[in-house]
């Protein structure tokens, strides 16, 4: 394949924390190393600016405001429109209404790949304004990428464009020694994610209150729900068993996956479209328990683990007690998790699949 000019229209970018951010970084870095010219346009809540290293350029734009989790930046739009007219590939990460708007101004020669990370859920008036723009974007797209077949089949916007859709699961890089679990702490449950309503932490807290084992929970992440979650922990008499650690760097996070008995993802709706954090647990050989969310890819991702019915804290309590009490069961799920990661969710495989997709839509 010839060297391509690839522009990613993202939302945020590391060190900002999140699944979409980690995917954007992985593709940008890998494809730049393959010799392609890569440019990422993204928002920042801190210092705007441009960074260039080899073939990779990151342009961070100041966020003037945020409306229903959508950052706003006029400069992002004007610079994005300029690049959309010259790029070979415009890789649009959605949901992001400004990126969708920019893509509609692309040159006809520019090939558009829409990376559909999640549907727009709710949003009220803003959602009603955004959906027509997304509909136009999907019509204009040369290819649409979904992260799982399960999510695709439950997404009304995607169903109408089935002929354009490719399913490319998210992948993450392996880490040497990352699956060594030699000092597991008894009865330690781990949660990693933003402290926002859809992550379902109240379900996990209420499950802990009903467990027979005196488990401890480590909560990694920050967000607007922290104070209310701390209050709930206090109301349930769990304050001395739940540790709120805030954000953690990658090395600290890896260690937590290695030493925790089990990882839990108790999300409550399709805003949890895939569950990238489950891949981090699998990579470390950490058994995982996740909620069975209709129309989400989470249960498909966590085929190697355990699931419980949506918002069923009694069922979650039973699953947690079961896995914490049985070391043989934990070992079984740990090996299954690691095997599934190696078979399906490697970063190199994801990056290669995207290059193959790009090649298939170029003239």
Protein backbone atom coordinates (compact mmCIF):
# COMPACT_ATOMS: atom_id res chain seq x y z
CA UNK A 1 0.00 0.00 0.00
CA UNK A 2 1.21 3.51 -0.82
CA UNK A 3 1.75 6.01 1.97
CA UNK A 4 -1.60 7.55 2.91
CA UNK A 5 -2.63 10.92 4.33
CA UNK A 6 -4.98 9.88 7.17
CA UNK A 7 -6.83 12.40 9.34
CA UNK A 8 -8.58 11.30 12.53
CA UNK A 9 -11.40 13.51 13.79
CA UNK A 10 -11.50 12.54 17.45
CA UNK A 11 -12.98 13.88 20.64
CA UNK A 12 -10.12 13.77 23.13
CA UNK A 13 -6.72 12.06 23.09
CA UNK A 14 -4.43 10.63 25.76
CA UNK A 15 -3.56 11.52 28.44
CA UNK A 16 -7.35 12.08 28.52
CA UNK A 17 -8.85 8.83 29.83
CA UNK A 18 -11.35 6.75 27.86
CA UNK A 19 -11.97 3.91 25.43
CA UNK A 20 -12.36 6.04 22.29
CA UNK A 21 -9.21 7.96 23.20
CA UNK A 22 -7.15 4.78 23.56
CA UNK A 23 -8.40 3.43 20.22
CA UNK A 24 -7.61 6.70 18.44
CA UNK A 25 -4.10 6.69 19.87
CA UNK A 26 -3.46 3.05 18.96
CA UNK A 27 -4.46 3.50 15.33
CA UNK A 28 -2.62 6.81 14.98
CA UNK A 29 0.64 5.52 16.46
CA UNK A 30 0.61 2.17 14.66
CA UNK A 31 -0.20 3.58 11.24
CA UNK A 32 2.37 6.38 11.61
CA UNK A 33 4.97 3.71 12.37
CA UNK A 34 3.86 1.92 9.20
CA UNK A 35 4.88 5.00 7.20
CA UNK A 36 1.55 6.77 6.76
CA UNK A 37 1.09 10.48 7.46
CA UNK A 38 -1.28 10.73 10.42
CA UNK A 39 -2.97 13.81 11.84
CA UNK A 40 -5.33 13.74 14.83
CA UNK A 41 -7.67 16.65 15.55
CA UNK A 42 -9.07 16.57 19.07
CA UNK A 43 -10.32 18.73 21.92
CA UNK A 44 -8.55 19.44 25.18
CA UNK A 45 -9.69 20.72 28.55
CA UNK A 46 -6.16 21.87 29.38
CA UNK A 47 -3.51 23.42 27.10
CA UNK A 48 -4.15 23.61 23.35
CA UNK A 49 -1.31 23.16 20.91
CA UNK A 50 0.30 20.99 18.26
CA UNK A 51 2.73 18.11 18.79
CA UNK A 52 4.61 16.35 15.99
CA UNK A 53 6.72 13.22 16.27
CA UNK A 54 7.79 11.63 13.01
CA UNK A 55 4.74 10.99 10.83
CA UNK A 56 2.27 11.72 13.63
CA UNK A 57 0.79 15.15 14.39
CA UNK A 58 -1.66 15.80 17.24
CA UNK A 59 -3.64 19.06 17.17
CA UNK A 60 -5.41 19.85 20.44
CA UNK A 61 -8.10 22.55 20.38
CA UNK A 62 -9.36 24.53 23.35
CA UNK A 63 -12.88 23.61 24.42
CA UNK A 64 -14.98 26.76 24.53
CA UNK A 65 -17.85 24.95 26.24
CA UNK A 66 -19.49 21.53 26.47
CA UNK A 67 -23.12 20.87 25.64
CA UNK A 68 -24.43 17.43 26.68
CA UNK A 69 -20.86 16.05 26.68
CA UNK A 70 -20.15 17.55 23.24
CA UNK A 71 -17.09 19.85 23.24
CA UNK A 72 -17.39 23.02 21.17
CA UNK A 73 -14.54 24.64 19.23
CA UNK A 74 -14.76 26.86 16.15
CA UNK A 75 -11.07 26.29 15.32
CA UNK A 76 -11.56 22.52 15.38
CA UNK A 77 -14.24 22.94 12.72
CA UNK A 78 -12.38 25.35 10.44
CA UNK A 79 -9.10 23.42 10.53
CA UNK A 80 -10.99 20.16 10.18
CA UNK A 81 -12.80 21.34 7.06
CA UNK A 82 -9.47 22.33 5.46
CA UNK A 83 -7.93 18.93 6.12
CA UNK A 84 -11.11 17.08 5.08
CA UNK A 85 -10.61 18.49 1.59
CA UNK A 86 -7.08 17.14 1.17
CA UNK A 87 -6.86 13.86 3.11
CA UNK A 88 -6.90 10.42 1.51
CA UNK A 89 -8.77 8.95 4.48
CA UNK A 90 -10.95 10.88 6.93
CA UNK A 91 -11.46 8.66 9.98
CA UNK A 92 -14.42 10.04 11.94
CA UNK A 93 -14.87 8.86 15.52
CA UNK A 94 -18.50 9.17 16.59
CA UNK A 95 -20.50 10.24 18.54
CA UNK A 96 -19.04 13.70 17.87
CA UNK A 97 -21.37 16.11 16.09
CA UNK A 98 -18.61 18.58 15.18
CA UNK A 99 -16.60 15.82 13.52
CA UNK A 100 -19.70 14.69 11.63
CA UNK A 101 -20.34 18.24 10.47
CA UNK A 102 -16.73 18.64 9.32
CA UNK A 103 -16.87 15.41 7.32
CA UNK A 104 -19.82 16.67 5.29
CA UNK A 105 -17.49 19.30 3.79
CA UNK A 106 -14.89 16.77 2.64
CA UNK A 107 -13.76 16.53 -0.97
CA UNK A 108 -15.39 13.79 -3.05
CA UNK A 109 -11.99 12.14 -3.49
CA UNK A 110 -11.56 11.84 0.27
CA UNK A 111 -12.66 8.46 1.56
CA UNK A 112 -14.63 8.64 4.81
CA UNK A 113 -14.53 5.92 7.45
CA UNK A 114 -17.08 6.40 10.22
CA UNK A 115 -15.95 4.62 13.39
CA UNK A 116 -19.23 4.08 15.22
CA UNK A 117 -18.29 3.72 18.86
CA UNK A 118 -21.82 4.23 20.19
CA UNK A 119 -25.30 5.49 19.33
CA UNK A 120 -26.54 8.80 20.64
CA UNK A 121 -28.68 7.99 23.67
CA UNK A 122 -31.07 10.63 24.95
CA UNK A 123 -29.58 14.18 24.72
CA UNK A 124 -33.02 15.78 24.37
CA UNK A 125 -33.16 18.71 21.96
CA UNK A 126 -29.45 18.37 21.10
CA UNK A 127 -30.01 14.73 20.16
CA UNK A 128 -32.82 15.71 17.81
CA UNK A 129 -30.50 18.22 16.14
CA UNK A 130 -27.57 15.80 15.91
CA UNK A 131 -29.35 12.79 14.44
CA UNK A 132 -30.05 14.33 11.00
CA UNK A 133 -26.36 15.30 10.73
CA UNK A 134 -25.32 11.76 11.63
CA UNK A 135 -27.75 10.39 9.07
CA UNK A 136 -26.15 12.52 6.36
CA UNK A 137 -22.71 11.39 7.53
CA UNK A 138 -23.64 7.72 7.25
CA UNK A 139 -24.96 8.28 3.73
CA UNK A 140 -21.72 10.03 2.75
CA UNK A 141 -19.46 7.43 4.38
CA UNK A 142 -17.54 5.00 2.21
CA UNK A 143 -17.27 2.57 5.11
CA UNK A 144 -18.75 2.27 8.59
CA UNK A 145 -16.99 0.39 11.35
CA UNK A 146 -18.82 -1.08 14.32
CA UNK A 147 -17.05 -2.73 17.23
CA UNK A 148 -19.35 -5.77 17.53
CA UNK A 149 -22.08 -7.52 15.57
CA UNK A 150 -24.34 -7.46 18.61
CA UNK A 151 -24.24 -3.67 18.81
CA UNK A 152 -24.74 -3.31 15.05
CA UNK A 153 -27.90 -5.40 15.05
CA UNK A 154 -29.44 -3.25 17.82
CA UNK A 155 -28.52 0.15 16.37
CA UNK A 156 -31.31 1.78 14.31
CA UNK A 157 -28.93 4.18 12.50
CA UNK A 158 -26.62 1.34 11.46
CA UNK A 159 -29.31 -1.11 10.35
CA UNK A 160 -30.17 1.21 7.45
CA UNK A 161 -26.58 1.04 6.14
CA UNK A 162 -25.77 -2.64 6.60
CA UNK A 163 -24.03 -2.90 3.22
CA UNK A 164 -21.32 -0.45 4.33
CA UNK A 165 -20.62 -1.95 7.74
CA UNK A 166 -17.49 -3.84 8.78
CA UNK A 167 -17.12 -5.19 12.31
CA UNK A 168 -13.64 -4.56 13.71
CA UNK A 169 -13.36 -5.27 17.44
CA UNK A 170 -11.19 -2.98 19.53
CA UNK A 171 -7.75 -4.32 20.38
CA UNK A 172 -5.12 -3.35 22.94
CA UNK A 173 -1.38 -3.96 23.05
CA UNK A 174 0.02 -6.80 25.10
CA UNK A 175 2.45 -6.05 27.93
CA UNK A 176 5.38 -8.30 28.75
CA UNK A 177 4.64 -10.00 32.05
CA UNK A 178 1.21 -8.38 32.14
CA UNK A 179 -0.62 -11.63 32.88
CA UNK A 180 1.51 -12.67 35.86
CA UNK A 181 -0.82 -12.97 38.88
CA UNK A 182 1.41 -14.10 41.72
CA UNK A 183 0.23 -11.87 44.59
CA UNK A 184 -3.56 -11.80 44.27
CA UNK A 185 -5.24 -10.10 47.23
CA UNK A 186 -8.06 -12.20 48.70
CA UNK A 187 -11.58 -10.87 48.15
CA UNK A 188 -10.51 -7.71 46.26
CA UNK A 189 -12.97 -6.48 43.63
CA UNK A 190 -11.79 -3.92 41.07
CA UNK A 191 -13.78 -1.32 39.14
CA UNK A 192 -12.17 0.97 36.55
CA UNK A 193 -14.07 3.70 34.72
CA UNK A 194 -15.50 7.18 34.82
CA UNK A 195 -17.77 7.94 37.75
CA UNK A 196 -20.87 8.64 35.69
CA UNK A 197 -24.41 7.22 35.96
CA UNK A 198 -24.31 4.66 33.14
CA UNK A 199 -21.35 2.84 34.71
CA UNK A 200 -23.75 1.42 37.31
CA UNK A 201 -21.64 1.65 40.46
CA UNK A 202 -24.72 1.84 42.73
CA UNK A 203 -25.61 -1.66 41.51
CA UNK A 204 -22.19 -2.91 42.58
CA UNK A 205 -22.38 -1.12 45.94
CA UNK A 206 -25.79 -2.66 46.71
CA UNK A 207 -24.48 -6.07 45.67
CA UNK A 208 -21.58 -5.70 48.10
CA UNK A 209 -24.03 -4.91 50.88
CA UNK A 210 -25.73 -8.28 50.25
CA UNK A 211 -22.62 -10.43 49.87
CA UNK A 212 -21.75 -13.04 52.46
CA UNK A 213 -18.00 -12.48 52.06
CA UNK A 214 -16.35 -9.31 53.45
CA UNK A 215 -14.98 -8.18 50.10
CA UNK A 216 -13.16 -4.92 49.47
CA UNK A 217 -13.77 -2.78 46.39
CA UNK A 218 -11.15 -0.60 44.71
CA UNK A 219 -12.69 2.13 42.52
CA UNK A 220 -10.34 3.64 39.93
CA UNK A 221 -11.53 6.71 38.02
CA UNK A 222 -12.93 10.19 38.48
CA UNK A 223 -16.13 11.93 37.52
CA UNK A 224 -19.12 13.99 38.62
CA UNK A 225 -20.78 11.18 40.59
CA UNK A 226 -17.99 10.74 43.14
CA UNK A 227 -19.64 12.63 46.01
CA UNK A 228 -22.97 10.89 45.58
CA UNK A 229 -21.22 7.51 45.39
CA UNK A 230 -19.30 8.24 48.59
CA UNK A 231 -22.60 9.16 50.25
CA UNK A 232 -24.20 5.92 49.04
CA UNK A 233 -21.26 3.90 50.37
CA UNK A 234 -21.75 5.58 53.73
CA UNK A 235 -25.51 4.92 53.72
CA UNK A 236 -24.84 1.22 53.02
CA UNK A 237 -22.18 1.04 55.77
CA UNK A 238 -19.53 0.24 53.17
CA UNK A 239 -17.22 3.23 53.59
CA UNK A 240 -14.53 1.13 55.26
CA UNK A 241 -14.65 -1.45 52.44
CA UNK A 242 -14.57 0.82 49.38
CA UNK A 243 -11.43 2.69 48.35
CA UNK A 244 -11.81 5.57 45.87
CA UNK A 245 -8.37 5.90 44.27
CA UNK A 246 -9.14 8.51 41.62
CA UNK A 247 -7.14 8.27 38.40
CA UNK A 248 -4.27 5.80 38.05
CA UNK A 249 -1.44 5.66 35.52
CA UNK A 250 -0.98 2.61 33.30
CA UNK A 251 1.61 0.88 35.47
CA UNK A 252 -0.51 1.27 38.61
CA UNK A 253 -3.58 0.11 36.73
CA UNK A 254 -1.82 -2.99 35.44
CA UNK A 255 -0.75 -3.87 38.97
CA UNK A 256 -4.32 -3.51 40.21
CA UNK A 257 -5.58 -5.91 37.54
CA UNK A 258 -2.83 -8.36 38.49
CA UNK A 259 -3.57 -8.36 42.22
CA UNK A 260 -7.38 -8.09 42.23
CA UNK A 261 -9.42 -11.26 42.64
CA UNK A 262 -12.06 -10.18 40.14
CA UNK A 263 -12.96 -7.21 37.92
CA UNK A 264 -16.56 -5.97 37.74
CA UNK A 265 -18.26 -3.84 35.07
CA UNK A 266 -21.85 -3.19 36.27
CA UNK A 267 -22.92 -0.75 33.51
CA UNK A 268 -26.65 -0.20 33.09
CA UNK A 269 -27.29 0.76 29.44
CA UNK A 270 -25.97 0.79 25.85
CA UNK A 271 -23.76 3.80 26.49
CA UNK A 272 -21.42 0.97 27.48
CA UNK A 273 -21.16 -0.13 23.87
CA UNK A 274 -18.09 -2.39 24.09
CA UNK A 275 -16.25 -2.23 27.39
CA UNK A 276 -12.61 -1.64 26.46
CA UNK A 277 -11.68 -1.99 30.12
CA UNK A 278 -12.73 -5.65 29.92
CA UNK A 279 -9.84 -6.17 27.50
CA UNK A 280 -7.43 -4.84 30.11
CA UNK A 281 -8.77 -7.36 32.60
CA UNK A 282 -8.49 -10.19 30.06
CA UNK A 283 -4.94 -9.22 29.15
CA UNK A 284 -3.98 -9.48 32.81
CA UNK A 285 -5.80 -12.80 33.24
CA UNK A 286 -8.19 -11.21 35.73
CA UNK A 287 -11.63 -12.89 35.85
CA UNK A 288 -14.41 -10.48 34.87
CA UNK A 289 -18.08 -10.11 35.75
CA UNK A 290 -20.22 -7.79 33.60
CA UNK A 291 -23.87 -6.89 33.25
CA UNK A 292 -25.82 -8.41 30.36
CA UNK A 293 -26.84 -5.27 28.46
CA UNK A 294 -29.34 -5.88 25.64
CA UNK A 295 -28.06 -4.48 22.35
CA UNK A 296 -24.53 -3.87 23.62
CA UNK A 297 -21.32 -5.67 22.69
CA UNK A 298 -20.29 -6.11 26.34
CA UNK A 299 -21.57 -9.67 26.77
CA UNK A 300 -19.95 -10.72 23.48
CA UNK A 301 -16.65 -9.23 24.61
CA UNK A 302 -16.88 -10.98 27.98
CA UNK A 303 -17.75 -14.44 26.64
CA UNK A 304 -14.87 -15.76 28.73
CA UNK A 305 -16.30 -14.34 31.95
CA UNK A 306 -19.49 -14.20 33.98
CA UNK A 307 -22.56 -12.04 33.45
CA UNK A 308 -25.55 -11.03 35.55
CA UNK A 309 -28.95 -9.61 34.62
CA UNK A 310 -29.08 -5.86 34.13
CA UNK A 311 -29.31 -3.94 37.45
CA UNK A 312 -29.76 -7.20 39.41
CA UNK A 313 -27.68 -6.54 42.52
CA UNK A 314 -28.85 -9.81 44.10
CA UNK A 315 -27.58 -11.75 41.10
CA UNK A 316 -24.32 -9.82 41.10
CA UNK A 317 -23.83 -10.51 44.82
CA UNK A 318 -24.25 -14.23 44.16
CA UNK A 319 -21.74 -14.17 41.27
CA UNK A 320 -19.19 -12.29 43.35
CA UNK A 321 -19.55 -14.62 46.33
CA UNK A 322 -19.21 -17.60 44.01
CA UNK A 323 -15.99 -16.51 42.32
CA UNK A 324 -14.39 -15.19 45.50
CA UNK A 325 -15.03 -18.49 47.30
CA UNK A 326 -13.71 -20.86 44.61
CA UNK A 327 -10.01 -20.63 43.60
CA UNK A 328 -10.41 -23.34 40.95
CA UNK A 329 -13.25 -21.41 39.32
CA UNK A 330 -11.16 -18.24 39.38
CA UNK A 331 -8.25 -20.02 37.72
CA UNK A 332 -10.54 -21.38 35.03
CA UNK A 333 -11.97 -17.95 34.23
CA UNK A 334 -8.52 -16.33 34.39
CA UNK A 335 -7.15 -18.69 31.73
CA UNK A 336 -10.25 -18.32 29.56
CA UNK A 337 -9.92 -14.53 29.76
CA UNK A 338 -6.29 -14.54 28.70
CA UNK A 339 -6.98 -16.97 25.85
CA UNK A 340 -9.83 -14.82 24.51
CA UNK A 341 -7.66 -11.72 24.62
CA UNK A 342 -4.93 -13.43 22.61
CA UNK A 343 -7.39 -14.85 20.06
CA UNK A 344 -9.51 -11.77 19.39
CA UNK A 345 -8.38 -8.51 20.93
CA UNK A 346 -4.74 -7.84 20.05
CA UNK A 347 -3.88 -4.32 18.98
CA UNK A 348 -1.83 -5.43 15.97
CA UNK A 349 -4.81 -7.32 14.58
CA UNK A 350 -7.07 -4.27 14.94
CA UNK A 351 -4.57 -1.94 13.24
CA UNK A 352 -4.06 -4.36 10.35
CA UNK A 353 -7.80 -4.74 9.82
CA UNK A 354 -8.16 -0.97 9.45
CA UNK A 355 -5.38 -0.76 6.87
CA UNK A 356 -7.09 -3.52 4.91
CA UNK A 357 -10.36 -1.59 5.10
CA UNK A 358 -8.71 1.63 3.92
CA UNK A 359 -7.22 -0.23 0.95
CA UNK A 360 -10.61 -1.67 0.01
CA UNK A 361 -12.27 1.75 -0.39
CA UNK A 362 -9.47 3.64 -2.13
CA UNK A 363 -9.69 4.13 -5.90
